[in-house]
């Protein structure tokens, strides 16, 4: 490895690990939130809550206008060239544009809440939910914007504090309080909004402490709208289309079916899309780092970093995919309860789509880096149109199973197109021998562990959870036995040793070092 490759891979590993911990904490808190809410409210009211959160998320994407996607690229580009005046200009302009748009959308949502609830969804009580969640739009936008500022300044630990600890943990804590006093669905909605308000304030204070030298009055901001707007607009379209793609199934289930169907389908979506935690953990730090390498014209370093991080993602996601694919009903009963077993078949279908979305996900970051934003927008638009037509056709015929088929087909086509386009640009490759070892380890460990537990008739939930843990451990033991790691992995392990002050002597001996 040359110096740039070594720097990039270690930086992604360090930042990716921090973000991974943050996203795990955040996702676990939000998963417990969804589980408690689903069990407390029941499928019908939970469906209304899901629709409220969905509308809030869609509104936030419109208000962000793609600006947040350009932050990582331009801030790192300006910092590499020591153009601090342009960094300050970008911070100010992105804040003003997005918050102004969010306030406009707040009033529009609040004013038209009755129209949306009655004429589009025909659901009683949804108008109040929309009105409640409309208040959260500016704070949701601010939280997202600040998160991308932190990633751009390579401070992922601040995301853990603001998002994982304050937003998601407070969200869960407030829900527990609401449940303890037997409050209504509307109280659950207000508690969600309150957690957004608190987390946005905390994040803003953290950012201010980090960039005092850039925010000082003596530094005059330089605004560069000629680069920011043309770059961000296609990403706004892509973001809107991507969000629409993610939530099209939920919206159309709400239109064609009941709010209970929305709630049941949503639990399958939550579990399947959780695979993306691993991609996002590395992707959010991968993007600013390869943008920095792109500014230095280090294409070979980008290629090596992409290949290495792609392997890490595959290693981490494979055992989860195999388990959920094999035991969808058991996964649902352990997490959300017996009332949601109707989501088992949609879960099997969706987990396939999100598995490949996770594996191909880094390609999108790469295409952004190489300024292929128009291609991303066009690809997502075509996928969205196809998804809408598939949902309109399949949901009336097959219900939530039809929605899962439509979403999975759309995800596969969109992400495969992005992947092959980026492969054409970067000309990266895969070590087939290593990937064969990963797949063999996953299948063998799964078959051995669950066959033994079946022979022993250990069907109780406790033993089943124990089997999952044994399976994961055995999987990684097999990876070590099969010598499934490369030079880049050893370099990262040594970097972690130096940073943490911990010696991994036994692990290195097992790995043949």
Protein backbone atom coordinates (compact mmCIF):
# COMPACT_ATOMS: atom_id res chain seq x y z
CA UNK A 1 0.00 0.00 0.00
CA UNK A 2 1.22 3.48 -0.77
CA UNK A 3 0.95 6.33 1.75
CA UNK A 4 -2.38 7.73 0.50
CA UNK A 5 -4.04 4.30 0.38
CA UNK A 6 -2.80 3.56 3.90
CA UNK A 7 -4.09 6.93 5.15
CA UNK A 8 -7.51 6.54 3.54
CA UNK A 9 -8.16 2.96 4.65
CA UNK A 10 -7.12 3.64 8.26
CA UNK A 11 -9.18 6.84 8.33
CA UNK A 12 -12.28 5.04 7.06
CA UNK A 13 -11.70 2.22 9.56
CA UNK A 14 -11.35 4.61 12.48
CA UNK A 15 -14.24 6.86 11.45
CA UNK A 16 -16.34 3.94 10.27
CA UNK A 17 -15.95 2.20 13.63
CA UNK A 18 -16.99 5.33 15.52
CA UNK A 19 -19.97 5.87 13.22
CA UNK A 20 -20.82 2.17 13.43
CA UNK A 21 -21.01 2.41 17.23
CA UNK A 22 -23.11 5.56 16.92
CA UNK A 23 -25.47 4.09 14.36
CA UNK A 24 -25.77 0.86 16.36
CA UNK A 25 -26.72 2.84 19.48
CA UNK A 26 -29.05 5.06 17.48
CA UNK A 27 -30.64 2.18 15.58
CA UNK A 28 -31.07 0.03 18.66
CA UNK A 29 -32.75 2.90 20.49
CA UNK A 30 -35.00 3.59 17.50
CA UNK A 31 -35.71 -0.14 17.06
CA UNK A 32 -36.77 -0.42 20.71
CA UNK A 33 -38.83 2.73 20.18
CA UNK A 34 -40.61 1.13 17.21
CA UNK A 35 -41.09 -2.16 19.08
CA UNK A 36 -42.56 -0.44 22.16
CA UNK A 37 -44.72 1.86 20.04
CA UNK A 38 -45.98 -1.02 17.91
CA UNK A 39 -46.81 -3.16 20.94
CA UNK A 40 -48.38 -0.26 22.89
CA UNK A 41 -50.41 1.31 20.08
CA UNK A 42 -51.36 -1.81 18.11
CA UNK A 43 -51.20 -2.13 14.30
CA UNK A 44 -53.87 0.51 13.58
CA UNK A 45 -52.56 3.46 15.64
CA UNK A 46 -48.98 2.41 14.96
CA UNK A 47 -49.78 2.70 11.25
CA UNK A 48 -50.85 6.32 11.80
CA UNK A 49 -47.62 7.04 13.67
CA UNK A 50 -45.59 5.53 10.82
CA UNK A 51 -47.41 7.70 8.27
CA UNK A 52 -46.72 10.80 10.40
CA UNK A 53 -42.99 10.01 10.59
CA UNK A 54 -42.98 9.23 6.86
CA UNK A 55 -44.51 12.60 5.97
CA UNK A 56 -42.03 14.37 8.29
CA UNK A 57 -39.10 12.62 6.58
CA UNK A 58 -40.36 13.45 3.09
CA UNK A 59 -40.89 17.09 4.06
CA UNK A 60 -37.35 17.24 5.50
CA UNK A 61 -35.84 15.97 2.25
CA UNK A 62 -37.61 18.74 0.29
CA UNK A 63 -36.40 21.36 2.76
CA UNK A 64 -32.79 20.13 2.71
CA UNK A 65 -32.83 20.67 -1.08
CA UNK A 66 -29.81 18.40 -1.57
CA UNK A 67 -27.60 20.99 0.13
CA UNK A 68 -26.53 18.54 2.84
CA UNK A 69 -25.20 16.12 0.20
CA UNK A 70 -22.79 18.75 -1.12
CA UNK A 71 -21.45 19.71 2.31
CA UNK A 72 -19.04 16.76 2.63
CA UNK A 73 -17.60 17.33 -0.82
CA UNK A 74 -17.15 21.10 -0.73
CA UNK A 75 -16.05 21.60 2.89
CA UNK A 76 -13.28 19.02 2.50
CA UNK A 77 -12.35 20.49 -0.87
CA UNK A 78 -12.09 24.01 0.61
CA UNK A 79 -10.27 22.81 3.75
CA UNK A 80 -7.71 20.95 1.63
CA UNK A 81 -7.00 24.27 -0.14
CA UNK A 82 -7.19 26.27 3.16
CA UNK A 83 -10.07 28.39 1.83
CA UNK A 84 -11.69 29.01 5.22
CA UNK A 85 -13.69 31.97 3.93
CA UNK A 86 -15.50 29.66 1.52
CA UNK A 87 -16.11 27.15 4.30
CA UNK A 88 -17.80 29.88 6.35
CA UNK A 89 -19.81 31.00 3.33
CA UNK A 90 -21.00 27.43 2.74
CA UNK A 91 -22.06 27.02 6.37
CA UNK A 92 -24.07 30.26 6.36
CA UNK A 93 -25.70 29.78 2.95
CA UNK A 94 -26.66 26.14 3.56
CA UNK A 95 -28.23 27.07 6.92
CA UNK A 96 -30.27 29.98 5.55
CA UNK A 97 -31.54 28.08 2.49
CA UNK A 98 -32.61 24.92 4.31
CA UNK A 99 -34.16 26.49 7.40
CA UNK A 100 -36.13 28.98 5.28
CA UNK A 101 -37.51 26.16 3.16
CA UNK A 102 -38.36 24.09 6.25
CA UNK A 103 -40.44 26.92 7.76
CA UNK A 104 -42.39 27.31 4.50
CA UNK A 105 -43.07 23.56 4.41
CA UNK A 106 -44.12 23.60 8.09
CA UNK A 107 -46.92 26.08 7.34
CA UNK A 108 -47.97 24.23 4.18
CA UNK A 109 -48.23 20.90 5.97
CA UNK A 110 -50.10 22.41 8.91
CA UNK A 111 -52.56 24.26 6.67
CA UNK A 112 -53.24 21.30 4.36
CA UNK A 113 -53.24 18.57 7.02
CA UNK A 114 -57.01 18.01 6.69
CA UNK A 115 -56.80 17.77 2.90
CA UNK A 116 -53.93 15.24 3.02
CA UNK A 117 -55.63 13.10 5.68
CA UNK A 118 -59.14 13.09 4.21
CA UNK A 119 -58.70 13.29 0.42
CA UNK A 120 -55.53 11.27 -0.06
CA UNK A 121 -55.54 8.70 2.76
CA UNK A 122 -59.13 8.90 4.03
CA UNK A 123 -57.94 8.11 7.56
CA UNK A 124 -59.52 9.50 10.71
CA UNK A 125 -57.02 11.08 13.10
CA UNK A 126 -54.22 11.41 10.55
CA UNK A 127 -54.81 15.18 10.19
CA UNK A 128 -53.85 15.78 13.82
CA UNK A 129 -50.76 13.57 13.46
CA UNK A 130 -49.66 15.54 10.37
CA UNK A 131 -50.17 18.85 12.19
CA UNK A 132 -48.07 17.64 15.14
CA UNK A 133 -45.21 16.35 12.99
CA UNK A 134 -45.20 19.50 10.81
CA UNK A 135 -43.83 21.38 13.85
CA UNK A 136 -40.80 19.06 13.80
CA UNK A 137 -39.78 19.82 10.19
CA UNK A 138 -37.31 22.72 10.90
CA UNK A 139 -35.70 20.79 13.77
CA UNK A 140 -35.44 17.60 11.72
CA UNK A 141 -33.77 19.59 8.92
CA UNK A 142 -31.38 21.31 11.32
CA UNK A 143 -30.42 17.99 12.92
CA UNK A 144 -29.67 16.44 9.52
CA UNK A 145 -27.72 19.50 8.36
CA UNK A 146 -25.57 19.56 11.49
CA UNK A 147 -24.90 15.82 11.17
CA UNK A 148 -23.38 16.37 7.72
CA UNK A 149 -21.33 19.29 9.06
CA UNK A 150 -19.85 16.91 11.65
CA UNK A 151 -19.03 14.30 9.01
CA UNK A 152 -17.41 16.96 6.83
CA UNK A 153 -15.20 18.14 9.72
CA UNK A 154 -14.41 14.46 10.48
CA UNK A 155 -16.08 14.57 13.89
CA UNK A 156 -18.37 11.52 13.81
CA UNK A 157 -18.29 11.27 17.60
CA UNK A 158 -20.41 14.44 17.73
CA UNK A 159 -23.07 12.62 15.71
CA UNK A 160 -23.13 9.94 18.41
CA UNK A 161 -23.72 12.59 21.08
CA UNK A 162 -26.40 14.57 19.23
CA UNK A 163 -28.23 11.80 17.37
CA UNK A 164 -27.64 8.56 19.27
CA UNK A 165 -27.65 9.85 22.83
CA UNK A 166 -29.95 12.86 22.69
CA UNK A 167 -32.38 12.36 19.80
CA UNK A 168 -32.93 8.59 19.78
CA UNK A 169 -32.36 7.90 23.48
CA UNK A 170 -34.58 10.81 24.50
CA UNK A 171 -37.16 9.63 21.98
CA UNK A 172 -37.18 6.22 23.66
CA UNK A 173 -37.21 7.73 27.16
CA UNK A 174 -40.13 10.04 26.33
CA UNK A 175 -42.07 7.09 24.86
CA UNK A 176 -41.55 5.09 28.05
CA UNK A 177 -42.93 8.04 30.04
CA UNK A 178 -45.91 8.30 27.68
CA UNK A 179 -46.62 4.58 28.04
CA UNK A 180 -46.27 4.74 31.83
CA UNK A 181 -49.04 7.33 32.04
CA UNK A 182 -51.16 5.56 29.39
CA UNK A 183 -51.20 8.62 27.15
CA UNK A 184 -52.64 8.77 23.63
CA UNK A 185 -51.16 8.45 20.15
CA UNK A 186 -50.96 12.25 19.92
CA UNK A 187 -48.79 12.39 23.05
CA UNK A 188 -46.43 9.91 21.35
CA UNK A 189 -46.24 12.30 18.38
CA UNK A 190 -45.44 15.34 20.54
CA UNK A 191 -42.78 13.37 22.42
CA UNK A 192 -41.11 12.54 19.08
CA UNK A 193 -41.05 16.21 18.07
CA UNK A 194 -39.67 17.28 21.46
CA UNK A 195 -36.70 14.91 21.08
CA UNK A 196 -35.92 16.52 17.70
CA UNK A 197 -35.96 20.00 19.24
CA UNK A 198 -33.57 19.07 22.07
CA UNK A 199 -31.13 17.15 19.83
CA UNK A 200 -30.93 20.01 17.29
CA UNK A 201 -30.03 22.50 20.03
CA UNK A 202 -27.35 20.17 21.43
CA UNK A 203 -25.89 19.57 17.96
CA UNK A 204 -25.75 23.32 17.23
CA UNK A 205 -23.84 23.95 20.48
CA UNK A 206 -21.39 21.15 19.66
CA UNK A 207 -20.71 22.55 16.19
CA UNK A 208 -20.14 26.03 17.58
CA UNK A 209 -17.48 24.69 19.95
CA UNK A 210 -15.74 22.84 17.11
CA UNK A 211 -15.43 25.63 14.51
CA UNK A 212 -14.86 28.80 16.54
CA UNK A 213 -11.97 29.81 14.26
CA UNK A 214 -14.22 29.66 11.18
CA UNK A 215 -17.16 31.45 12.83
CA UNK A 216 -15.04 34.34 14.14
CA UNK A 217 -16.28 37.77 12.99
CA UNK A 218 -12.95 38.77 11.46
CA UNK A 219 -13.27 36.03 8.81
CA UNK A 220 -15.40 37.37 5.97
CA UNK A 221 -17.50 34.65 4.31
CA UNK A 222 -17.09 33.95 0.59
CA UNK A 223 -20.18 32.54 -1.07
CA UNK A 224 -19.83 30.12 -3.97
CA UNK A 225 -23.38 29.51 -5.18
CA UNK A 226 -22.17 28.74 -8.71
CA UNK A 227 -20.74 25.44 -7.49
CA UNK A 228 -23.10 24.64 -4.60
CA UNK A 229 -26.48 25.07 -6.33
CA UNK A 230 -25.73 23.18 -9.59
CA UNK A 231 -24.14 20.36 -7.59
CA UNK A 232 -26.90 20.21 -4.97
CA UNK A 233 -29.96 20.51 -7.23
CA UNK A 234 -29.55 17.09 -8.89
CA UNK A 235 -28.86 15.64 -5.44
CA UNK A 236 -32.03 17.29 -4.13
CA UNK A 237 -33.93 15.56 -6.92
CA UNK A 238 -32.09 12.32 -6.16
CA UNK A 239 -32.79 12.69 -2.43
CA UNK A 240 -36.47 13.41 -3.01
CA UNK A 241 -36.75 10.53 -5.43
CA UNK A 242 -34.79 8.26 -3.10
CA UNK A 243 -37.01 9.16 -0.17
CA UNK A 244 -40.09 8.71 -2.35
CA UNK A 245 -38.72 5.33 -3.42
CA UNK A 246 -38.16 4.31 0.20
CA UNK A 247 -41.65 5.35 1.28
CA UNK A 248 -43.73 4.75 -1.88
CA UNK A 249 -44.80 1.33 -0.61
CA UNK A 250 -45.90 2.76 2.75
CA UNK A 251 -47.86 5.59 1.09
CA UNK A 252 -49.63 3.31 -1.38
CA UNK A 253 -50.44 0.72 1.29
CA UNK A 254 -52.02 3.61 3.21
CA UNK A 255 -54.04 4.58 0.11
CA UNK A 256 -55.14 1.09 -1.02
CA UNK A 257 -55.20 -0.79 2.29
CA UNK A 258 -55.69 -0.05 6.00
CA UNK A 259 -53.49 1.73 8.54
CA UNK A 260 -53.08 -1.69 10.23
CA UNK A 261 -51.49 -2.99 7.01
CA UNK A 262 -49.16 0.01 7.09
CA UNK A 263 -48.09 -0.92 10.62
CA UNK A 264 -47.54 -4.61 9.83
CA UNK A 265 -45.57 -3.86 6.66
CA UNK A 266 -43.45 -1.26 8.43
CA UNK A 267 -41.98 -3.79 10.86
CA UNK A 268 -40.70 -5.85 7.89
CA UNK A 269 -39.21 -2.69 6.41
CA UNK A 270 -37.51 -1.78 9.71
CA UNK A 271 -35.79 -5.16 10.05
CA UNK A 272 -34.78 -5.45 6.39
CA UNK A 273 -33.50 -1.89 6.04
CA UNK A 274 -31.45 -2.33 9.25
CA UNK A 275 -28.83 -4.02 7.04
CA UNK A 276 -28.00 -0.56 5.70
CA UNK A 277 -26.63 0.41 9.12
CA UNK A 278 -23.36 -1.24 8.13
CA UNK A 279 -23.13 0.51 4.75
CA UNK A 280 -24.03 3.90 6.23
CA UNK A 281 -21.52 3.46 9.06
CA UNK A 282 -18.64 3.30 6.60
CA UNK A 283 -20.24 5.31 3.80
CA UNK A 284 -20.63 8.53 5.77
CA UNK A 285 -16.89 8.69 6.49
CA UNK A 286 -15.90 7.05 3.18
CA UNK A 287 -17.45 9.88 1.13
CA UNK A 288 -15.51 12.87 2.55
CA UNK A 289 -12.27 10.87 2.52
CA UNK A 290 -12.53 9.83 -1.13
CA UNK A 291 -13.58 13.42 -1.96
CA UNK A 292 -10.28 14.52 -0.44
CA UNK A 293 -8.43 11.87 -2.48
CA UNK A 294 -10.29 12.99 -5.60
CA UNK A 295 -9.08 16.56 -5.04
CA UNK A 296 -5.52 15.12 -4.91
CA UNK A 297 -6.18 13.11 -8.13
CA UNK A 298 -5.39 9.86 -6.26
CA UNK A 299 -7.62 7.50 -8.25
CA UNK A 300 -5.64 4.38 -7.32
CA UNK A 301 -6.08 5.17 -3.62
CA UNK A 302 -9.84 5.60 -4.15
CA UNK A 303 -9.98 2.22 -5.90
CA UNK A 304 -8.09 0.41 -3.13
CA UNK A 305 -10.16 2.08 -0.41
CA UNK A 306 -13.40 1.14 -2.20
CA UNK A 307 -12.36 -2.50 -2.58
CA UNK A 308 -11.28 -2.80 1.06
CA UNK A 309 -14.33 -1.12 2.59
CA UNK A 310 -16.64 -3.17 0.32
CA UNK A 311 -15.11 -6.35 1.77
CA UNK A 312 -15.65 -5.15 5.33
CA UNK A 313 -19.31 -4.42 4.59
CA UNK A 314 -19.83 -7.88 3.06
CA UNK A 315 -18.20 -9.64 6.03
CA UNK A 316 -20.42 -7.81 8.53
CA UNK A 317 -23.74 -8.03 6.67
CA UNK A 318 -23.63 -11.66 5.47
CA UNK A 319 -24.48 -13.51 8.74
CA UNK A 320 -27.39 -11.17 9.48
CA UNK A 321 -28.80 -11.68 5.98
CA UNK A 322 -28.55 -15.49 6.22
CA UNK A 323 -30.26 -15.60 9.61
CA UNK A 324 -33.23 -13.33 8.74
CA UNK A 325 -33.71 -15.10 5.39
CA UNK A 326 -33.90 -18.46 7.17
CA UNK A 327 -36.03 -17.39 10.18
CA UNK A 328 -38.30 -14.44 9.24
CA UNK A 329 -41.24 -15.42 11.47
CA UNK A 330 -39.00 -16.10 14.48
CA UNK A 331 -37.25 -12.77 13.96
CA UNK A 332 -40.62 -10.98 13.97
CA UNK A 333 -42.00 -12.81 17.01
CA UNK A 334 -38.87 -12.11 19.07
CA UNK A 335 -38.89 -8.40 18.19
CA UNK A 336 -42.39 -7.10 17.47
CA UNK A 337 -44.58 -9.93 18.75
CA UNK A 338 -47.18 -12.33 17.39
CA UNK A 339 -49.46 -9.56 16.06
CA UNK A 340 -46.96 -8.83 13.28
CA UNK A 341 -46.28 -12.35 11.93
CA UNK A 342 -48.15 -11.36 8.77
CA UNK A 343 -44.97 -9.49 7.78
CA UNK A 344 -42.90 -12.70 7.45
CA UNK A 345 -43.12 -13.13 3.66
CA UNK A 346 -42.63 -9.39 2.94
CA UNK A 347 -39.57 -9.55 5.23
CA UNK A 348 -38.01 -12.38 3.18
CA UNK A 349 -38.57 -10.42 -0.05
CA UNK A 350 -37.33 -7.10 1.35
CA UNK A 351 -34.21 -8.54 2.99
CA UNK A 352 -32.98 -9.61 -0.45
CA UNK A 353 -33.41 -6.10 -1.84
CA UNK A 354 -31.72 -4.41 1.09
CA UNK A 355 -28.86 -6.94 1.13
CA UNK A 356 -27.81 -5.92 -2.36
CA UNK A 357 -28.54 -2.25 -1.64
CA UNK A 358 -26.05 -2.48 1.22
CA UNK A 359 -23.42 -4.27 -0.87
CA UNK A 360 -23.70 -1.79 -3.77
CA UNK A 361 -24.22 1.29 -1.56
CA UNK A 362 -20.68 2.68 -1.73
CA UNK A 363 -21.09 3.08 -5.50
CA UNK A 364 -23.46 5.99 -4.90
CA UNK A 365 -20.85 7.81 -2.79
CA UNK A 366 -18.30 7.15 -5.51
CA UNK A 367 -20.54 8.52 -8.26
CA UNK A 368 -21.13 11.69 -6.24
CA UNK A 369 -17.38 12.12 -5.84
CA UNK A 370 -16.90 11.84 -9.61
CA UNK A 371 -19.69 14.43 -10.15
CA UNK A 372 -22.18 11.97 -11.66
CA UNK A 373 -25.10 13.57 -9.84
CA UNK A 374 -27.27 13.85 -12.95
CA UNK A 375 -26.84 10.14 -13.61
CA UNK A 376 -27.83 9.40 -10.00
CA UNK A 377 -30.94 11.56 -10.35
CA UNK A 378 -31.99 9.96 -13.65
CA UNK A 379 -31.41 6.43 -12.36
CA UNK A 380 -33.44 7.06 -9.21
CA UNK A 381 -36.23 8.76 -11.21
CA UNK A 382 -36.60 5.78 -13.53
CA UNK A 383 -36.57 3.42 -10.53
CA UNK A 384 -39.20 5.50 -8.73
CA UNK A 385 -41.53 5.57 -11.74
CA UNK A 386 -41.18 1.80 -12.06
CA UNK A 387 -41.80 1.39 -8.32
CA UNK A 388 -44.96 3.53 -8.43
CA UNK A 389 -46.41 1.50 -11.31
CA UNK A 390 -45.49 -1.78 -9.65
CA UNK A 391 -47.10 -0.68 -6.37
CA UNK A 392 -50.29 0.44 -8.14
CA UNK A 393 -50.50 -2.94 -9.88
CA UNK A 394 -49.31 -5.29 -7.14
CA UNK A 395 -50.73 -3.84 -3.88
CA UNK A 396 -54.43 -4.18 -4.86
CA UNK A 397 -53.71 -7.78 -5.95
CA UNK A 398 -51.29 -9.04 -3.29
CA UNK A 399 -51.39 -6.44 -0.50
CA UNK A 400 -48.20 -5.95 1.50
CA UNK A 401 -46.49 -8.85 -0.32
CA UNK A 402 -47.01 -6.95 -3.58
CA UNK A 403 -45.48 -3.84 -2.01
CA UNK A 404 -42.42 -5.84 -0.95
CA UNK A 405 -42.00 -7.29 -4.47
CA UNK A 406 -42.28 -3.81 -6.04
CA UNK A 407 -39.72 -2.29 -3.67
CA UNK A 408 -37.22 -5.15 -4.01
CA UNK A 409 -37.33 -5.13 -7.83
CA UNK A 410 -36.82 -1.35 -7.83
CA UNK A 411 -33.93 -1.50 -5.36
CA UNK A 412 -32.16 -4.23 -7.31
CA UNK A 413 -32.43 -2.43 -10.64
CA UNK A 414 -31.38 0.99 -9.31
CA UNK A 415 -28.42 -0.18 -7.25
CA UNK A 416 -27.13 -2.58 -9.88
CA UNK A 417 -27.15 0.26 -12.42
CA UNK A 418 -25.19 2.54 -10.07
CA UNK A 419 -22.74 -0.25 -9.25
CA UNK A 420 -21.90 -1.07 -12.87
CA UNK A 421 -21.62 2.61 -13.78
CA UNK A 422 -19.10 3.18 -10.99
CA UNK A 423 -17.24 -0.01 -11.94
CA UNK A 424 -16.89 1.39 -15.46
CA UNK A 425 -15.40 4.62 -14.05
CA UNK A 426 -13.11 3.21 -11.36
CA UNK A 427 -12.40 -0.25 -12.84
CA UNK A 428 -12.25 -1.87 -9.41
CA UNK A 429 -12.17 -5.62 -8.84
CA UNK A 430 -12.90 -8.26 -6.23
CA UNK A 431 -10.74 -10.96 -4.69
CA UNK A 432 -12.98 -13.92 -5.55
CA UNK A 433 -11.03 -16.30 -3.31
CA UNK A 434 -11.63 -14.12 -0.24
CA UNK A 435 -15.34 -13.71 -0.98
CA UNK A 436 -15.70 -17.48 -1.41
CA UNK A 437 -14.18 -17.90 2.08
CA UNK A 438 -16.68 -15.37 3.51
CA UNK A 439 -19.66 -17.16 1.95
CA UNK A 440 -18.40 -20.60 3.01
CA UNK A 441 -17.87 -19.39 6.60
CA UNK A 442 -21.39 -17.96 6.73
CA UNK A 443 -23.15 -21.04 5.37
CA UNK A 444 -21.11 -23.63 7.30
CA UNK A 445 -21.40 -21.82 10.66
CA UNK A 446 -25.15 -21.34 10.22
CA UNK A 447 -25.80 -24.95 9.19
CA UNK A 448 -23.71 -26.48 11.99
CA UNK A 449 -25.00 -24.31 14.85
CA UNK A 450 -28.71 -24.46 14.06
CA UNK A 451 -28.59 -28.19 13.21
CA UNK A 452 -27.10 -28.89 16.67
CA UNK A 453 -29.73 -26.75 18.41
CA UNK A 454 -32.46 -28.52 16.42
CA UNK A 455 -31.14 -31.96 17.44
CA UNK A 456 -31.23 -30.87 21.08
CA UNK A 457 -34.82 -29.56 20.67
CA UNK A 458 -33.85 -26.14 22.04
CA UNK A 459 -36.78 -24.13 20.66
CA UNK A 460 -37.36 -21.72 23.52
CA UNK A 461 -36.65 -18.06 22.80
CA UNK A 462 -33.71 -17.93 25.23
CA UNK A 463 -31.94 -20.84 23.51
CA UNK A 464 -32.75 -19.44 20.09
CA UNK A 465 -31.10 -16.11 20.95
CA UNK A 466 -28.16 -18.06 22.37
CA UNK A 467 -27.90 -19.95 19.06
CA UNK A 468 -27.71 -16.63 17.19
CA UNK A 469 -24.79 -15.49 19.35
CA UNK A 470 -22.96 -18.82 18.95
CA UNK A 471 -23.53 -18.65 15.18
CA UNK A 472 -22.00 -15.16 14.94
CA UNK A 473 -18.95 -16.18 17.00
CA UNK A 474 -18.45 -19.40 15.02
CA UNK A 475 -18.71 -17.43 11.75
CA UNK A 476 -15.80 -15.16 12.73
CA UNK A 477 -13.79 -18.12 14.04
CA UNK A 478 -14.14 -19.77 10.62
CA UNK A 479 -13.03 -16.55 8.92
CA UNK A 480 -9.84 -16.71 10.98
CA UNK A 481 -9.32 -20.43 10.32
CA UNK A 482 -9.79 -19.93 6.57
CA UNK A 483 -7.29 -16.99 6.63
CA UNK A 484 -9.87 -14.65 5.14
CA UNK A 485 -8.05 -11.37 5.70
CA UNK A 486 -5.69 -9.26 3.58
CA UNK A 487 -2.72 -6.93 4.14
CA UNK A 488 -5.03 -3.91 4.42
CA UNK A 489 -6.88 -5.56 7.31
CA UNK A 490 -3.62 -6.17 9.19
CA UNK A 491 -2.58 -2.54 8.66
CA UNK A 492 -5.87 -1.37 10.16
CA UNK A 493 -5.49 -3.77 13.13
CA UNK A 494 -2.04 -2.35 13.85
CA UNK A 495 -3.40 1.20 13.63
CA UNK A 496 -6.13 0.32 16.15
CA UNK A 497 -3.45 -1.18 18.42
CA UNK A 498 -1.49 2.07 18.39
CA UNK A 499 -4.54 4.24 18.97
CA UNK A 500 -6.13 2.17 21.75
CA UNK A 501 -2.89 1.00 23.38
CA UNK A 502 -4.15 -2.59 23.32
CA UNK A 503 -2.12 -5.49 21.88
CA UNK A 504 -4.01 -8.00 19.74
CA UNK A 505 -1.17 -10.55 19.93
CA UNK A 506 -3.39 -13.64 20.10
CA UNK A 507 -5.60 -12.47 17.22
CA UNK A 508 -2.55 -11.67 15.09
CA UNK A 509 -1.08 -15.11 15.77
CA UNK A 510 -4.36 -16.75 14.80
CA UNK A 511 -4.34 -14.71 11.61
CA UNK A 512 -0.84 -15.88 10.84
CA UNK A 513 1.06 -12.69 11.70
